[in-house]
């Protein structure tokens, strides 16, 4: 209800602005989910909607190991994604939208086929390259890092199973989880059950400045999120030159690649197969200093490619092309 009220207020404000000024484009950027379209589509100005996400779903096989409450939430969320297109107001507003920028292909697939020609995939976030670290650590144990909330959608139960497999292969490591959340107690118990008491460290919530210290003191970044539309921490890790190991779900696969670490295929795979692939990717990075060095360089290069300036200009060039502008777009209603 809050969002609807805010949308109505924004619509009437924008309509009033349009009475006194000729605008080229209306760009709606929040909230960032395809299920909440913009009333600004009702203006007589081309509307750019997004980048938006929210169409990413968790493969059923990866619900294994999640608490019952999280499983119910994920199933309900999947139902909500499917039912969005049944809303007549949603269909009206989407049909009136000039360009729909989607964070992922999964979200683009949620747009009705009749309107997918106006839907494109484009990231919503950029990277800020940090000063290079002096060297890649080669001593043992390797330090593997996670930064984020401790909630079900982050798939940390998968990370812990992969790390237990890594330990069984005799590789020394330390896994530091920076962040807090309602699943902390359950994850602490899972770590104990998997025999990771001496390897897993729950650091809790820390300040922004402290987070950078953790990035700089780590060797590998591990992120097994189930359906993040973007994955800001991925760009942060790349900016710090950390090799990234993640799943091919949601947004992270658009930022990381085999030059920056490893992206593990998660669709149509069993839980055990995914855990095994994650463990192998981590083992390769732990055992091969040259591979870590190469992926660290690749991470920094990728962060440069994903700079905010490049990301923003890329989207606005696309907008100009779609509008067939011969001059820069100058006036916007935001």
C-alpha atoms as a PDB file:
ATOM      1  CA  UNK A   1       0.000   0.000   0.000  1.00  0.00           C
ATOM      2  CA  UNK A   2       2.890   2.342   0.739  1.00  0.00           C
ATOM      3  CA  UNK A   3       4.306   1.740  -2.720  1.00  0.00           C
ATOM      4  CA  UNK A   4       0.968   2.373  -4.439  1.00  0.00           C
ATOM      5  CA  UNK A   5       0.502   5.633  -2.503  1.00  0.00           C
ATOM      6  CA  UNK A   6       4.047   6.744  -3.375  1.00  0.00           C
ATOM      7  CA  UNK A   7       3.477   5.831  -7.025  1.00  0.00           C
ATOM      8  CA  UNK A   8       0.300   7.902  -7.200  1.00  0.00           C
ATOM      9  CA  UNK A   9       2.044  10.886  -5.635  1.00  0.00           C
ATOM     10  CA  UNK A  10       4.940  10.559  -8.078  1.00  0.00           C
ATOM     11  CA  UNK A  11       2.553  10.290 -11.029  1.00  0.00           C
ATOM     12  CA  UNK A  12       0.654  13.479 -10.216  1.00  0.00           C
ATOM     13  CA  UNK A  13       3.899  15.335  -9.504  1.00  0.00           C
ATOM     14  CA  UNK A  14       5.407  14.182 -12.814  1.00  0.00           C
ATOM     15  CA  UNK A  15       2.249  15.045 -14.730  1.00  0.00           C
ATOM     16  CA  UNK A  16       2.369  18.554 -13.315  1.00  0.00           C
ATOM     17  CA  UNK A  17       6.028  18.897 -14.341  1.00  0.00           C
ATOM     18  CA  UNK A  18       5.188  17.713 -17.845  1.00  0.00           C
ATOM     19  CA  UNK A  19       2.658  20.538 -18.229  1.00  0.00           C
ATOM     20  CA  UNK A  20       5.419  23.134 -18.079  1.00  0.00           C
ATOM     21  CA  UNK A  21       8.370  21.309 -19.618  1.00  0.00           C
ATOM     22  CA  UNK A  22       8.860  19.038 -22.619  1.00  0.00           C
ATOM     23  CA  UNK A  23      10.615  15.915 -21.448  1.00  0.00           C
ATOM     24  CA  UNK A  24      12.272  13.348 -23.710  1.00  0.00           C
ATOM     25  CA  UNK A  25      12.157  10.402 -21.326  1.00  0.00           C
ATOM     26  CA  UNK A  26      10.717   9.348 -18.003  1.00  0.00           C
ATOM     27  CA  UNK A  27      13.038   6.926 -16.209  1.00  0.00           C
ATOM     28  CA  UNK A  28      11.630   4.905 -13.315  1.00  0.00           C
ATOM     29  CA  UNK A  29      14.336   3.121 -11.317  1.00  0.00           C
ATOM     30  CA  UNK A  30      12.726   2.037  -8.034  1.00  0.00           C
ATOM     31  CA  UNK A  31      11.425  -0.232  -6.688  1.00  0.00           C
ATOM     32  CA  UNK A  32      13.635  -2.576  -8.603  1.00  0.00           C
ATOM     33  CA  UNK A  33      11.290  -5.484  -9.251  1.00  0.00           C
ATOM     34  CA  UNK A  34       9.277  -6.244 -12.380  1.00  0.00           C
ATOM     35  CA  UNK A  35       6.218  -7.086 -10.262  1.00  0.00           C
ATOM     36  CA  UNK A  36       5.758  -3.401  -9.306  1.00  0.00           C
ATOM     37  CA  UNK A  37       5.395  -1.504 -12.614  1.00  0.00           C
ATOM     38  CA  UNK A  38       5.300   2.268 -12.796  1.00  0.00           C
ATOM     39  CA  UNK A  39       2.216   4.465 -13.024  1.00  0.00           C
ATOM     40  CA  UNK A  40       4.441   6.850 -14.971  1.00  0.00           C
ATOM     41  CA  UNK A  41       3.689   4.685 -17.993  1.00  0.00           C
ATOM     42  CA  UNK A  42       0.398   6.609 -18.131  1.00  0.00           C
ATOM     43  CA  UNK A  43       2.218   9.834 -19.006  1.00  0.00           C
ATOM     44  CA  UNK A  44       2.507  10.809 -22.649  1.00  0.00           C
ATOM     45  CA  UNK A  45       6.285  10.507 -22.456  1.00  0.00           C
ATOM     46  CA  UNK A  46       8.340   7.376 -23.302  1.00  0.00           C
ATOM     47  CA  UNK A  47       8.941   5.445 -20.073  1.00  0.00           C
ATOM     48  CA  UNK A  48      12.132   3.523 -19.340  1.00  0.00           C
ATOM     49  CA  UNK A  49      11.371   1.043 -16.562  1.00  0.00           C
ATOM     50  CA  UNK A  50      14.323  -0.386 -14.664  1.00  0.00           C
ATOM     51  CA  UNK A  51      16.714  -2.088 -14.524  1.00  0.00           C
ATOM     52  CA  UNK A  52      14.390  -4.356 -12.559  1.00  0.00           C
ATOM     53  CA  UNK A  53      14.738  -7.914 -11.329  1.00  0.00           C
ATOM     54  CA  UNK A  54      12.633 -10.312  -9.321  1.00  0.00           C
ATOM     55  CA  UNK A  55      12.037 -13.008 -11.916  1.00  0.00           C
ATOM     56  CA  UNK A  56      14.808 -15.271 -10.632  1.00  0.00           C
ATOM     57  CA  UNK A  57      13.684 -18.497  -8.967  1.00  0.00           C
ATOM     58  CA  UNK A  58      15.457 -21.029  -6.785  1.00  0.00           C
ATOM     59  CA  UNK A  59      15.836 -24.496  -8.355  1.00  0.00           C
ATOM     60  CA  UNK A  60      13.765 -26.867  -6.241  1.00  0.00           C
ATOM     61  CA  UNK A  61      16.755 -29.140  -5.606  1.00  0.00           C
ATOM     62  CA  UNK A  62      18.581 -26.352  -3.795  1.00  0.00           C
ATOM     63  CA  UNK A  63      15.816 -25.910  -1.234  1.00  0.00           C
ATOM     64  CA  UNK A  64      17.269 -28.964   0.468  1.00  0.00           C
ATOM     65  CA  UNK A  65      18.800 -27.990   3.774  1.00  0.00           C
ATOM     66  CA  UNK A  66      16.848 -24.752   4.165  1.00  0.00           C
ATOM     67  CA  UNK A  67      14.642 -24.230   7.234  1.00  0.00           C
ATOM     68  CA  UNK A  68      10.950 -24.940   6.639  1.00  0.00           C
ATOM     69  CA  UNK A  69      10.057 -21.230   6.870  1.00  0.00           C
ATOM     70  CA  UNK A  70      12.546 -20.390   4.121  1.00  0.00           C
ATOM     71  CA  UNK A  71      11.280 -23.209   1.915  1.00  0.00           C
ATOM     72  CA  UNK A  72       7.710 -21.931   2.260  1.00  0.00           C
ATOM     73  CA  UNK A  73       8.882 -18.396   1.472  1.00  0.00           C
ATOM     74  CA  UNK A  74      10.713 -19.504  -1.675  1.00  0.00           C
ATOM     75  CA  UNK A  75       7.728 -21.502  -2.920  1.00  0.00           C
ATOM     76  CA  UNK A  76       5.356 -18.597  -2.214  1.00  0.00           C
ATOM     77  CA  UNK A  77       7.727 -16.250  -4.006  1.00  0.00           C
ATOM     78  CA  UNK A  78       7.741 -18.506  -7.083  1.00  0.00           C
ATOM     79  CA  UNK A  79       3.932 -18.490  -7.087  1.00  0.00           C
ATOM     80  CA  UNK A  80       4.002 -14.678  -6.852  1.00  0.00           C
ATOM     81  CA  UNK A  81       6.296 -14.465  -9.872  1.00  0.00           C
ATOM     82  CA  UNK A  82       3.962 -16.607 -11.950  1.00  0.00           C
ATOM     83  CA  UNK A  83       0.819 -14.761 -10.812  1.00  0.00           C
ATOM     84  CA  UNK A  84       2.117 -11.250 -11.525  1.00  0.00           C
ATOM     85  CA  UNK A  85       1.096 -11.493 -15.165  1.00  0.00           C
ATOM     86  CA  UNK A  86      -2.504 -12.190 -14.144  1.00  0.00           C
ATOM     87  CA  UNK A  87      -2.853  -8.661 -12.750  1.00  0.00           C
ATOM     88  CA  UNK A  88      -4.707  -6.515 -15.340  1.00  0.00           C
ATOM     89  CA  UNK A  89      -3.160  -3.273 -14.023  1.00  0.00           C
ATOM     90  CA  UNK A  90       0.312  -4.793 -14.326  1.00  0.00           C
ATOM     91  CA  UNK A  91      -0.400  -5.835 -17.908  1.00  0.00           C
ATOM     92  CA  UNK A  92      -1.723  -2.372 -18.761  1.00  0.00           C
ATOM     93  CA  UNK A  93       1.298  -0.556 -17.369  1.00  0.00           C
ATOM     94  CA  UNK A  94       3.796  -2.958 -18.945  1.00  0.00           C
ATOM     95  CA  UNK A  95       2.054  -2.561 -22.305  1.00  0.00           C
ATOM     96  CA  UNK A  96       2.455   1.222 -22.029  1.00  0.00           C
ATOM     97  CA  UNK A  97       6.164   1.052 -21.135  1.00  0.00           C
ATOM     98  CA  UNK A  98       8.586   2.072 -23.883  1.00  0.00           C
ATOM     99  CA  UNK A  99      11.657   0.158 -22.674  1.00  0.00           C
ATOM    100  CA  UNK A 100      11.915  -2.463 -19.919  1.00  0.00           C
ATOM    101  CA  UNK A 101      15.462  -2.948 -18.649  1.00  0.00           C
ATOM    102  CA  UNK A 102      15.779  -6.302 -16.864  1.00  0.00           C
ATOM    103  CA  UNK A 103      18.658  -7.244 -14.597  1.00  0.00           C
ATOM    104  CA  UNK A 104      18.625 -10.862 -15.761  1.00  0.00           C
ATOM    105  CA  UNK A 105      17.341 -13.032 -18.571  1.00  0.00           C
ATOM    106  CA  UNK A 106      15.141 -14.803 -16.019  1.00  0.00           C
ATOM    107  CA  UNK A 107      13.294 -11.537 -15.364  1.00  0.00           C
ATOM    108  CA  UNK A 108      13.031 -10.763 -19.079  1.00  0.00           C
ATOM    109  CA  UNK A 109      11.374 -14.160 -19.549  1.00  0.00           C
ATOM    110  CA  UNK A 110       8.631 -13.039 -17.148  1.00  0.00           C
ATOM    111  CA  UNK A 111       7.570 -10.244 -19.491  1.00  0.00           C
ATOM    112  CA  UNK A 112       4.664 -11.358 -21.757  1.00  0.00           C
ATOM    113  CA  UNK A 113       5.853 -12.493 -25.172  1.00  0.00           C
ATOM    114  CA  UNK A 114       3.993  -9.654 -26.884  1.00  0.00           C
ATOM    115  CA  UNK A 115       6.160  -7.110 -25.038  1.00  0.00           C
ATOM    116  CA  UNK A 116       9.536  -8.868 -24.903  1.00  0.00           C
ATOM    117  CA  UNK A 117      10.743  -6.929 -27.920  1.00  0.00           C
ATOM    118  CA  UNK A 118      10.844  -3.892 -25.613  1.00  0.00           C
ATOM    119  CA  UNK A 119      12.641  -5.773 -22.850  1.00  0.00           C
ATOM    120  CA  UNK A 120      16.450  -5.857 -22.684  1.00  0.00           C
ATOM    121  CA  UNK A 121      18.931  -7.280 -20.189  1.00  0.00           C
ATOM    122  CA  UNK A 122      21.130  -4.681 -18.515  1.00  0.00           C
ATOM    123  CA  UNK A 123      22.786  -4.568 -15.096  1.00  0.00           C
ATOM    124  CA  UNK A 124      21.788  -1.937 -12.549  1.00  0.00           C
ATOM    125  CA  UNK A 125      25.074  -1.723 -10.633  1.00  0.00           C
ATOM    126  CA  UNK A 126      28.669  -0.791 -11.288  1.00  0.00           C
ATOM    127  CA  UNK A 127      32.062  -1.340  -9.704  1.00  0.00           C
ATOM    128  CA  UNK A 128      34.639   0.933  -8.145  1.00  0.00           C
ATOM    129  CA  UNK A 129      38.164  -0.414  -8.530  1.00  0.00           C
ATOM    130  CA  UNK A 130      40.114  -0.417  -5.273  1.00  0.00           C
ATOM    131  CA  UNK A 131      43.911  -0.011  -4.879  1.00  0.00           C
ATOM    132  CA  UNK A 132      45.762  -3.194  -5.800  1.00  0.00           C
ATOM    133  CA  UNK A 133      46.870  -5.473  -2.995  1.00  0.00           C
ATOM    134  CA  UNK A 134      50.605  -6.006  -2.609  1.00  0.00           C
ATOM    135  CA  UNK A 135      50.434  -9.726  -3.415  1.00  0.00           C
ATOM    136  CA  UNK A 136      48.205 -12.757  -3.375  1.00  0.00           C
ATOM    137  CA  UNK A 137      48.628 -14.715  -0.177  1.00  0.00           C
ATOM    138  CA  UNK A 138      50.237 -18.109  -0.679  1.00  0.00           C
ATOM    139  CA  UNK A 139      50.420 -19.326   2.892  1.00  0.00           C
ATOM    140  CA  UNK A 140      47.941 -21.762   4.367  1.00  0.00           C
ATOM    141  CA  UNK A 141      45.244 -21.749   5.411  1.00  0.00           C
ATOM    142  CA  UNK A 142      43.479 -20.003   2.550  1.00  0.00           C
ATOM    143  CA  UNK A 143      40.964 -17.387   3.661  1.00  0.00           C
ATOM    144  CA  UNK A 144      37.583 -17.695   1.947  1.00  0.00           C
ATOM    145  CA  UNK A 145      35.157 -14.804   2.427  1.00  0.00           C
ATOM    146  CA  UNK A 146      31.404 -14.228   2.371  1.00  0.00           C
ATOM    147  CA  UNK A 147      29.826 -10.801   2.878  1.00  0.00           C
ATOM    148  CA  UNK A 148      26.074 -10.337   3.246  1.00  0.00           C
ATOM    149  CA  UNK A 149      23.006 -11.161   5.265  1.00  0.00           C
ATOM    150  CA  UNK A 150      22.607 -14.576   6.843  1.00  0.00           C
ATOM    151  CA  UNK A 151      19.257 -15.446   5.279  1.00  0.00           C
ATOM    152  CA  UNK A 152      17.885 -18.326   3.268  1.00  0.00           C
ATOM    153  CA  UNK A 153      18.151 -16.837  -0.208  1.00  0.00           C
ATOM    154  CA  UNK A 154      21.939 -16.508   0.175  1.00  0.00           C
ATOM    155  CA  UNK A 155      22.310 -20.302  -0.006  1.00  0.00           C
ATOM    156  CA  UNK A 156      24.939 -20.497   2.722  1.00  0.00           C
ATOM    157  CA  UNK A 157      23.932 -24.069   3.541  1.00  0.00           C
ATOM    158  CA  UNK A 158      25.333 -24.970   0.107  1.00  0.00           C
ATOM    159  CA  UNK A 159      28.581 -23.128   0.850  1.00  0.00           C
ATOM    160  CA  UNK A 160      29.034 -25.018   4.107  1.00  0.00           C
ATOM    161  CA  UNK A 161      28.471 -28.409   2.463  1.00  0.00           C
ATOM    162  CA  UNK A 162      31.007 -27.514  -0.242  1.00  0.00           C
ATOM    163  CA  UNK A 163      33.523 -26.460   2.399  1.00  0.00           C
ATOM    164  CA  UNK A 164      32.993 -29.700   4.312  1.00  0.00           C
ATOM    165  CA  UNK A 165      33.875 -31.542   1.099  1.00  0.00           C
ATOM    166  CA  UNK A 166      36.904 -29.292   0.687  1.00  0.00           C
ATOM    167  CA  UNK A 167      38.051 -30.240   4.176  1.00  0.00           C
ATOM    168  CA  UNK A 168      37.624 -33.941   3.410  1.00  0.00           C
ATOM    169  CA  UNK A 169      40.118 -33.464   0.582  1.00  0.00           C
ATOM    170  CA  UNK A 170      42.697 -32.294   3.114  1.00  0.00           C
ATOM    171  CA  UNK A 171      42.775 -28.591   2.148  1.00  0.00           C
ATOM    172  CA  UNK A 172      43.339 -26.117   4.972  1.00  0.00           C
ATOM    173  CA  UNK A 173      41.168 -23.014   4.912  1.00  0.00           C
ATOM    174  CA  UNK A 174      39.258 -20.510   7.004  1.00  0.00           C
ATOM    175  CA  UNK A 175      35.770 -19.336   6.017  1.00  0.00           C
ATOM    176  CA  UNK A 176      34.839 -15.897   7.333  1.00  0.00           C
ATOM    177  CA  UNK A 177      31.201 -14.804   7.187  1.00  0.00           C
ATOM    178  CA  UNK A 178      30.820 -11.033   7.506  1.00  0.00           C
ATOM    179  CA  UNK A 179      27.236 -10.066   8.262  1.00  0.00           C
ATOM    180  CA  UNK A 180      24.349 -11.142  10.441  1.00  0.00           C
ATOM    181  CA  UNK A 181      20.788 -12.333  10.119  1.00  0.00           C
ATOM    182  CA  UNK A 182      18.068 -14.654  11.403  1.00  0.00           C
ATOM    183  CA  UNK A 183      19.764 -17.812  10.080  1.00  0.00           C
ATOM    184  CA  UNK A 184      22.974 -17.344  12.015  1.00  0.00           C
ATOM    185  CA  UNK A 185      22.151 -19.825  14.765  1.00  0.00           C
ATOM    186  CA  UNK A 186      21.088 -22.496  12.269  1.00  0.00           C
ATOM    187  CA  UNK A 187      24.220 -21.972  10.190  1.00  0.00           C
ATOM    188  CA  UNK A 188      26.412 -22.180  13.273  1.00  0.00           C
ATOM    189  CA  UNK A 189      24.808 -25.519  14.129  1.00  0.00           C
ATOM    190  CA  UNK A 190      25.207 -26.762  10.546  1.00  0.00           C
ATOM    191  CA  UNK A 191      28.895 -25.839  10.620  1.00  0.00           C
ATOM    192  CA  UNK A 192      29.297 -27.889  13.800  1.00  0.00           C
ATOM    193  CA  UNK A 193      27.365 -30.840  12.347  1.00  0.00           C
ATOM    194  CA  UNK A 194      29.616 -30.798   9.258  1.00  0.00           C
ATOM    195  CA  UNK A 195      32.789 -30.781  11.347  1.00  0.00           C
ATOM    196  CA  UNK A 196      33.738 -27.199  10.447  1.00  0.00           C
ATOM    197  CA  UNK A 197      34.015 -25.805  13.948  1.00  0.00           C
ATOM    198  CA  UNK A 198      37.663 -24.792  13.497  1.00  0.00           C
ATOM    199  CA  UNK A 199      37.282 -23.534   9.936  1.00  0.00           C
ATOM    200  CA  UNK A 200      34.188 -21.286  10.032  1.00  0.00           C
ATOM    201  CA  UNK A 201      34.219 -17.881  11.720  1.00  0.00           C
ATOM    202  CA  UNK A 202      31.048 -15.814  12.114  1.00  0.00           C
ATOM    203  CA  UNK A 203      32.281 -12.225  12.234  1.00  0.00           C
ATOM    204  CA  UNK A 204      28.870 -10.594  12.634  1.00  0.00           C
ATOM    205  CA  UNK A 205      27.867  -7.174  11.324  1.00  0.00           C
ATOM    206  CA  UNK A 206      30.726  -4.713  10.819  1.00  0.00           C
ATOM    207  CA  UNK A 207      31.092  -1.144   9.575  1.00  0.00           C
ATOM    208  CA  UNK A 208      31.588  -0.226   5.915  1.00  0.00           C
ATOM    209  CA  UNK A 209      35.243   0.604   6.566  1.00  0.00           C
ATOM    210  CA  UNK A 210      35.835  -2.758   8.236  1.00  0.00           C
ATOM    211  CA  UNK A 211      34.321  -4.645   5.304  1.00  0.00           C
ATOM    212  CA  UNK A 212      37.118  -3.379   3.051  1.00  0.00           C
ATOM    213  CA  UNK A 213      39.652  -4.791   5.509  1.00  0.00           C
ATOM    214  CA  UNK A 214      38.069  -8.232   5.235  1.00  0.00           C
ATOM    215  CA  UNK A 215      38.193  -8.109   1.437  1.00  0.00           C
ATOM    216  CA  UNK A 216      41.871  -7.124   1.548  1.00  0.00           C
ATOM    217  CA  UNK A 217      42.730  -9.918   3.996  1.00  0.00           C
ATOM    218  CA  UNK A 218      41.058 -12.697   1.982  1.00  0.00           C
ATOM    219  CA  UNK A 219      42.090 -14.956  -0.907  1.00  0.00           C
ATOM    220  CA  UNK A 220      38.779 -16.106  -2.432  1.00  0.00           C
ATOM    221  CA  UNK A 221      35.187 -14.848  -2.391  1.00  0.00           C
ATOM    222  CA  UNK A 222      32.427 -17.489  -2.160  1.00  0.00           C
ATOM    223  CA  UNK A 223      28.835 -16.558  -3.011  1.00  0.00           C
ATOM    224  CA  UNK A 224      26.164 -19.246  -3.416  1.00  0.00           C
ATOM    225  CA  UNK A 225      23.086 -17.017  -3.531  1.00  0.00           C
ATOM    226  CA  UNK A 226      19.955 -18.691  -4.873  1.00  0.00           C
ATOM    227  CA  UNK A 227      18.395 -15.767  -6.725  1.00  0.00           C
ATOM    228  CA  UNK A 228      20.039 -12.380  -6.184  1.00  0.00           C
ATOM    229  CA  UNK A 229      19.021 -10.161  -9.101  1.00  0.00           C
ATOM    230  CA  UNK A 230      22.319  -8.286  -8.968  1.00  0.00           C
ATOM    231  CA  UNK A 231      24.899  -9.188  -6.349  1.00  0.00           C
ATOM    232  CA  UNK A 232      26.619  -6.001  -5.216  1.00  0.00           C
ATOM    233  CA  UNK A 233      29.129  -7.996  -3.212  1.00  0.00           C
ATOM    234  CA  UNK A 234      30.325  -9.654  -6.410  1.00  0.00           C
ATOM    235  CA  UNK A 235      31.368  -6.301  -7.872  1.00  0.00           C
ATOM    236  CA  UNK A 236      32.925  -5.378  -4.522  1.00  0.00           C
ATOM    237  CA  UNK A 237      34.983  -8.579  -4.497  1.00  0.00           C
ATOM    238  CA  UNK A 238      36.072  -8.026  -8.099  1.00  0.00           C
ATOM    239  CA  UNK A 239      37.020  -4.437  -7.245  1.00  0.00           C
ATOM    240  CA  UNK A 240      39.355  -5.752  -4.550  1.00  0.00           C
ATOM    241  CA  UNK A 241      40.908  -8.285  -6.922  1.00  0.00           C
ATOM    242  CA  UNK A 242      39.370 -11.334  -5.233  1.00  0.00           C
ATOM    243  CA  UNK A 243      38.733 -14.449  -7.334  1.00  0.00           C
ATOM    244  CA  UNK A 244      34.999 -15.199  -7.168  1.00  0.00           C
ATOM    245  CA  UNK A 245      33.291 -18.583  -6.964  1.00  0.00           C
ATOM    246  CA  UNK A 246      29.522 -18.332  -7.416  1.00  0.00           C
ATOM    247  CA  UNK A 247      26.480 -20.091  -8.861  1.00  0.00           C
ATOM    248  CA  UNK A 248      25.005 -19.429 -12.298  1.00  0.00           C
ATOM    249  CA  UNK A 249      21.798 -18.129 -10.728  1.00  0.00           C
ATOM    250  CA  UNK A 250      20.477 -14.586 -10.982  1.00  0.00           C
ATOM    251  CA  UNK A 251      22.776 -11.623 -11.429  1.00  0.00           C
ATOM    252  CA  UNK A 252      26.242 -12.862 -10.341  1.00  0.00           C
ATOM    253  CA  UNK A 253      26.795 -14.799 -13.581  1.00  0.00           C
ATOM    254  CA  UNK A 254      26.698 -11.496 -15.498  1.00  0.00           C
ATOM    255  CA  UNK A 255      29.638 -10.126 -13.506  1.00  0.00           C
ATOM    256  CA  UNK A 256      31.883 -13.120 -12.803  1.00  0.00           C
ATOM    257  CA  UNK A 257      33.340 -15.543 -15.354  1.00  0.00           C
ATOM    258  CA  UNK A 258      36.143 -18.079 -15.764  1.00  0.00           C
ATOM    259  CA  UNK A 259      38.702 -15.277 -15.997  1.00  0.00           C
ATOM    260  CA  UNK A 260      37.679 -13.963 -12.574  1.00  0.00           C
ATOM    261  CA  UNK A 261      37.142 -17.296 -10.821  1.00  0.00           C
ATOM    262  CA  UNK A 262      34.508 -19.951 -11.400  1.00  0.00           C
ATOM    263  CA  UNK A 263      30.771 -19.794 -12.137  1.00  0.00           C
ATOM    264  CA  UNK A 264      29.175 -23.126 -11.229  1.00  0.00           C
ATOM    265  CA  UNK A 265      26.225 -24.321 -13.299  1.00  0.00           C
ATOM    266  CA  UNK A 266      23.253 -24.889 -10.983  1.00  0.00           C
ATOM    267  CA  UNK A 267      20.299 -25.553 -13.275  1.00  0.00           C
ATOM    268  CA  UNK A 268      19.236 -29.162 -13.823  1.00  0.00           C
ATOM    269  CA  UNK A 269      21.924 -30.384 -11.425  1.00  0.00           C
ATOM    270  CA  UNK A 270      21.621 -32.354  -8.210  1.00  0.00           C
ATOM    271  CA  UNK A 271      22.579 -30.882  -4.862  1.00  0.00           C
ATOM    272  CA  UNK A 272      25.559 -33.245  -4.680  1.00  0.00           C
ATOM    273  CA  UNK A 273      26.797 -32.297  -8.152  1.00  0.00           C
ATOM    274  CA  UNK A 274      26.712 -28.588  -7.330  1.00  0.00           C
ATOM    275  CA  UNK A 275      28.475 -29.119  -4.001  1.00  0.00           C
ATOM    276  CA  UNK A 276      31.135 -31.226  -5.732  1.00  0.00           C
ATOM    277  CA  UNK A 277      31.755 -28.606  -8.422  1.00  0.00           C
ATOM    278  CA  UNK A 278      31.996 -25.838  -5.837  1.00  0.00           C
ATOM    279  CA  UNK A 279      34.466 -27.875  -3.817  1.00  0.00           C
ATOM    280  CA  UNK A 280      36.608 -28.572  -6.874  1.00  0.00           C
ATOM    281  CA  UNK A 281      36.621 -24.905  -7.911  1.00  0.00           C
ATOM    282  CA  UNK A 282      37.715 -23.883  -4.428  1.00  0.00           C
ATOM    283  CA  UNK A 283      40.354 -26.625  -4.329  1.00  0.00           C
ATOM    284  CA  UNK A 284      41.826 -25.491  -7.646  1.00  0.00           C
ATOM    285  CA  UNK A 285      42.095 -21.905  -6.426  1.00  0.00           C
ATOM    286  CA  UNK A 286      43.553 -22.960  -3.073  1.00  0.00           C
ATOM    287  CA  UNK A 287      46.150 -25.296  -4.590  1.00  0.00           C
ATOM    288  CA  UNK A 288      47.233 -23.215  -7.582  1.00  0.00           C
ATOM    289  CA  UNK A 289      48.805 -19.830  -6.710  1.00  0.00           C
ATOM    290  CA  UNK A 290      49.213 -18.981 -10.398  1.00  0.00           C
ATOM    291  CA  UNK A 291      45.506 -19.553 -11.008  1.00  0.00           C
ATOM    292  CA  UNK A 292      44.624 -17.291  -8.071  1.00  0.00           C
ATOM    293  CA  UNK A 293      46.993 -14.631  -9.371  1.00  0.00           C
ATOM    294  CA  UNK A 294      45.484 -14.855 -12.844  1.00  0.00           C
ATOM    295  CA  UNK A 295      41.902 -14.693 -11.532  1.00  0.00           C
ATOM    296  CA  UNK A 296      42.816 -11.787  -9.278  1.00  0.00           C
ATOM    297  CA  UNK A 297      44.082  -9.843 -12.284  1.00  0.00           C
ATOM    298  CA  UNK A 298      40.996 -10.896 -14.234  1.00  0.00           C
ATOM    299  CA  UNK A 299      38.788  -9.687 -11.372  1.00  0.00           C
ATOM    300  CA  UNK A 300      40.332  -6.221 -11.411  1.00  0.00           C
ATOM    301  CA  UNK A 301      40.074  -6.020 -15.192  1.00  0.00           C
ATOM    302  CA  UNK A 302      36.437  -7.051 -14.993  1.00  0.00           C
ATOM    303  CA  UNK A 303      35.761  -4.430 -12.340  1.00  0.00           C
ATOM    304  CA  UNK A 304      37.198  -1.808 -14.690  1.00  0.00           C
ATOM    305  CA  UNK A 305      34.829  -3.006 -17.420  1.00  0.00           C
ATOM    306  CA  UNK A 306      31.940  -2.717 -14.950  1.00  0.00           C
ATOM    307  CA  UNK A 307      32.726   0.810 -13.782  1.00  0.00           C
ATOM    308  CA  UNK A 308      29.736   2.976 -12.923  1.00  0.00           C
ATOM    309  CA  UNK A 309      30.516   5.371 -15.770  1.00  0.00           C
ATOM    310  CA  UNK A 310      30.487   2.534 -18.316  1.00  0.00           C
ATOM    311  CA  UNK A 311      27.374   0.915 -16.924  1.00  0.00           C
ATOM    312  CA  UNK A 312      25.364   4.143 -16.897  1.00  0.00           C
ATOM    313  CA  UNK A 313      26.528   5.321 -20.326  1.00  0.00           C
ATOM    314  CA  UNK A 314      25.805   1.876 -21.777  1.00  0.00           C
ATOM    315  CA  UNK A 315      22.172   2.009 -20.691  1.00  0.00           C
ATOM    316  CA  UNK A 316      21.659   5.587 -21.845  1.00  0.00           C
ATOM    317  CA  UNK A 317      23.221   4.841 -25.230  1.00  0.00           C
ATOM    318  CA  UNK A 318      20.692   2.048 -25.556  1.00  0.00           C
ATOM    319  CA  UNK A 319      17.873   4.434 -24.650  1.00  0.00           C
ATOM    320  CA  UNK A 320      19.066   6.923 -27.253  1.00  0.00           C
ATOM    321  CA  UNK A 321      19.296   4.205 -29.898  1.00  0.00           C
ATOM    322  CA  UNK A 322      15.782   3.040 -29.160  1.00  0.00           C
ATOM    323  CA  UNK A 323      14.486   6.587 -29.385  1.00  0.00           C
ATOM    324  CA  UNK A 324      16.583   7.174 -32.513  1.00  0.00           C
ATOM    325  CA  UNK A 325      18.048  10.304 -31.003  1.00  0.00           C
ATOM    326  CA  UNK A 326      20.658  12.233 -32.948  1.00  0.00           C
ATOM    327  CA  UNK A 327      21.584  14.305 -29.901  1.00  0.00           C
ATOM    328  CA  UNK A 328      22.280  13.500 -26.215  1.00  0.00           C
ATOM    329  CA  UNK A 329      19.268  13.000 -23.978  1.00  0.00           C
ATOM    330  CA  UNK A 330      19.239  15.996 -21.642  1.00  0.00           C
ATOM    331  CA  UNK A 331      15.897  16.285 -19.886  1.00  0.00           C
ATOM    332  CA  UNK A 332      14.568  13.548 -17.666  1.00  0.00           C
ATOM    333  CA  UNK A 333      11.820  13.047 -15.134  1.00  0.00           C
ATOM    334  CA  UNK A 334      13.397  10.809 -12.441  1.00  0.00           C
END
